[in-house]
């Protein structure tokens, strides 16, 4: 496993975990927000979760309030909003920062990955996605406006599934 998977983080309920808990699964890591124009992407993320969960895949949401204050809620408010509005079943972490000196170590590592245009650096906005291999390596960085159901995203997930 890569160092990415070893950084401790709390889940939305405050329980300590790490990405090692998902060893052997392909992951889509997404910084999420409840009050963003891109928030409807939760629906597409949940569809990916439902479609691929039994094939060794999981979406993991990382609530973040760094972009326009669009994730102001408490952990309970975030969980209630996501489950009642979008039927979210995928795991969520505690609210974190993804950019700057306070960036969580997972995102400090993720943001070193370049996107399809060769650009690395700060997360641009809510709903930026990182596809992680079952061995913990970053396979792809997908910018925020790319929908979760985009055929290229789905194909990349299918290619990343364990045993492929």
Protein backbone atom coordinates (compact mmCIF):
# COMPACT_ATOMS: atom_id res chain seq x y z
CA UNK A 1 0.00 0.00 0.00
CA UNK A 2 1.12 3.56 -0.65
CA UNK A 3 1.71 6.19 2.03
CA UNK A 4 -1.58 7.77 0.92
CA UNK A 5 -3.49 4.98 2.62
CA UNK A 6 -1.62 5.25 5.91
CA UNK A 7 -2.65 8.78 6.93
CA UNK A 8 -5.12 8.65 9.82
CA UNK A 9 -8.48 10.37 9.40
CA UNK A 10 -11.75 10.32 11.29
CA UNK A 11 -14.97 9.21 9.70
CA UNK A 12 -18.03 11.45 9.86
CA UNK A 13 -18.86 9.99 13.30
CA UNK A 14 -15.42 10.82 14.74
CA UNK A 15 -14.06 7.27 14.61
CA UNK A 16 -10.39 6.98 13.67
CA UNK A 17 -9.67 5.19 10.42
CA UNK A 18 -7.46 5.39 7.32
CA UNK A 19 -7.72 4.44 3.68
CA UNK A 20 -6.02 1.16 4.65
CA UNK A 21 -9.50 0.07 5.75
CA UNK A 22 -10.30 -0.08 2.00
CA UNK A 23 -7.20 -2.05 0.99
CA UNK A 24 -7.76 -4.04 -2.18
CA UNK A 25 -10.58 -1.78 -3.41
CA UNK A 26 -10.57 0.83 -6.14
CA UNK A 27 -11.59 4.17 -4.61
CA UNK A 28 -12.97 7.46 -5.86
CA UNK A 29 -12.01 10.16 -3.36
CA UNK A 30 -14.12 13.31 -3.67
CA UNK A 31 -14.16 16.57 -1.72
CA UNK A 32 -17.85 17.29 -1.27
CA UNK A 33 -20.12 20.14 -0.20
CA UNK A 34 -23.84 20.38 0.50
CA UNK A 35 -24.51 23.91 -0.75
CA UNK A 36 -22.67 24.00 -4.08
CA UNK A 37 -23.92 24.24 -7.63
CA UNK A 38 -22.20 20.88 -8.18
CA UNK A 39 -23.91 19.23 -5.18
CA UNK A 40 -26.25 17.24 -7.48
CA UNK A 41 -23.15 15.19 -8.34
CA UNK A 42 -23.94 13.30 -5.11
CA UNK A 43 -26.59 11.48 -7.16
CA UNK A 44 -24.04 10.31 -9.74
CA UNK A 45 -21.55 9.36 -7.05
CA UNK A 46 -24.18 7.24 -5.31
CA UNK A 47 -25.01 5.54 -8.62
CA UNK A 48 -21.34 4.61 -9.02
CA UNK A 49 -21.33 3.29 -5.45
CA UNK A 50 -24.41 1.15 -6.10
CA UNK A 51 -23.11 -0.12 -9.45
CA UNK A 52 -19.59 -1.07 -8.39
CA UNK A 53 -19.60 -1.63 -4.59
CA UNK A 54 -19.92 -5.40 -4.93
CA UNK A 55 -17.02 -5.42 -7.41
CA UNK A 56 -14.43 -3.98 -5.01
CA UNK A 57 -15.07 -0.24 -5.30
CA UNK A 58 -16.07 2.61 -3.01
CA UNK A 59 -16.63 6.32 -3.26
CA UNK A 60 -15.36 8.18 -0.19
CA UNK A 61 -16.61 11.70 0.45
CA UNK A 62 -14.43 14.30 2.17
CA UNK A 63 -16.63 17.24 3.27
CA UNK A 64 -14.79 20.52 2.84
CA UNK A 65 -15.85 24.10 3.63
CA UNK A 66 -12.95 25.84 1.84
CA UNK A 67 -14.83 26.82 -1.31
CA UNK A 68 -17.30 29.63 -0.72
CA UNK A 69 -18.27 28.25 2.70
CA UNK A 70 -20.45 25.69 0.93
CA UNK A 71 -20.16 22.97 3.60
CA UNK A 72 -21.01 24.87 6.79
CA UNK A 73 -22.88 22.09 8.58
CA UNK A 74 -22.03 19.83 11.46
CA UNK A 75 -21.25 16.16 10.87
CA UNK A 76 -24.84 15.29 11.75
CA UNK A 77 -26.25 17.93 9.38
CA UNK A 78 -23.99 16.71 6.56
CA UNK A 79 -25.01 13.10 7.10
CA UNK A 80 -28.72 13.94 7.26
CA UNK A 81 -28.57 16.10 4.14
CA UNK A 82 -26.66 13.49 2.12
CA UNK A 83 -28.82 10.55 3.13
CA UNK A 84 -32.21 12.24 2.87
CA UNK A 85 -31.55 14.36 -0.23
CA UNK A 86 -29.39 12.00 -2.29
CA UNK A 87 -29.63 8.61 -0.56
CA UNK A 88 -25.88 8.56 -0.02
CA UNK A 89 -24.61 5.24 1.35
CA UNK A 90 -20.89 5.64 0.66
CA UNK A 91 -18.50 6.47 3.51
CA UNK A 92 -17.82 10.05 4.49
CA UNK A 93 -14.96 11.47 6.54
CA UNK A 94 -14.84 14.32 8.98
CA UNK A 95 -14.80 17.81 7.47
CA UNK A 96 -11.27 18.61 6.30
CA UNK A 97 -9.27 21.19 4.38
CA UNK A 98 -7.96 20.11 0.97
CA UNK A 99 -5.73 23.10 0.12
CA UNK A 100 -3.22 25.30 1.89
CA UNK A 101 -1.18 24.84 5.05
CA UNK A 102 -4.08 23.15 6.84
CA UNK A 103 -4.67 20.58 4.10
CA UNK A 104 -5.19 17.07 5.39
CA UNK A 105 -2.13 14.88 4.59
CA UNK A 106 -4.25 12.73 2.25
CA UNK A 107 -4.99 15.80 0.13
CA UNK A 108 -1.48 17.20 0.48
CA UNK A 109 -0.43 14.00 -1.28
CA UNK A 110 -3.33 13.85 -3.76
CA UNK A 111 -2.78 17.39 -5.04
CA UNK A 112 0.69 16.42 -6.27
CA UNK A 113 -1.08 14.38 -8.98
CA UNK A 114 -1.55 16.06 -12.35
CA UNK A 115 -4.86 16.07 -14.21
CA UNK A 116 -5.32 15.11 -17.88
CA UNK A 117 -3.84 18.48 -18.91
CA UNK A 118 -0.71 17.91 -16.82
CA UNK A 119 -1.72 20.36 -14.09
CA UNK A 120 -1.13 19.46 -10.45
CA UNK A 121 -1.60 21.70 -7.42
CA UNK A 122 -4.57 22.88 -5.43
CA UNK A 123 -8.01 21.35 -5.71
CA UNK A 124 -9.99 23.74 -7.94
CA UNK A 125 -13.43 23.47 -6.31
CA UNK A 126 -15.86 21.07 -4.66
CA UNK A 127 -16.32 17.64 -6.27
CA UNK A 128 -12.79 17.18 -7.58
CA UNK A 129 -12.24 13.42 -7.90
CA UNK A 130 -9.21 11.15 -7.50
CA UNK A 131 -9.32 7.54 -8.66
CA UNK A 132 -7.18 5.26 -6.51
CA UNK A 133 -6.04 1.74 -7.43
CA UNK A 134 -6.61 -1.26 -5.16
CA UNK A 135 -2.91 -0.97 -4.19
CA UNK A 136 -3.35 2.67 -3.12
CA UNK A 137 -1.81 4.46 -6.10
CA UNK A 138 -3.41 7.56 -7.61
CA UNK A 139 -4.54 6.61 -11.11
CA UNK A 140 -6.38 9.70 -12.26
CA UNK A 141 -7.33 13.22 -11.21
CA UNK A 142 -10.74 14.32 -12.45
CA UNK A 143 -11.66 17.99 -12.23
CA UNK A 144 -14.90 19.14 -10.55
CA UNK A 145 -17.11 19.81 -13.57
CA UNK A 146 -16.67 16.28 -14.93
CA UNK A 147 -19.79 14.37 -13.92
CA UNK A 148 -19.37 11.08 -12.03
CA UNK A 149 -21.34 9.26 -14.74
CA UNK A 150 -19.14 10.56 -17.58
CA UNK A 151 -18.30 7.53 -19.78
CA UNK A 152 -14.56 8.16 -19.37
CA UNK A 153 -14.90 8.15 -15.57
CA UNK A 154 -16.96 4.95 -15.62
CA UNK A 155 -14.43 3.26 -17.95
CA UNK A 156 -11.53 4.31 -15.71
CA UNK A 157 -13.32 2.86 -12.67
CA UNK A 158 -14.04 -0.38 -14.52
CA UNK A 159 -10.35 -0.62 -15.49
CA UNK A 160 -9.28 0.02 -11.87
CA UNK A 161 -11.47 -2.65 -10.28
CA UNK A 162 -9.59 -5.45 -8.53
CA UNK A 163 -8.96 -8.50 -10.67
CA UNK A 164 -9.10 -6.57 -13.97
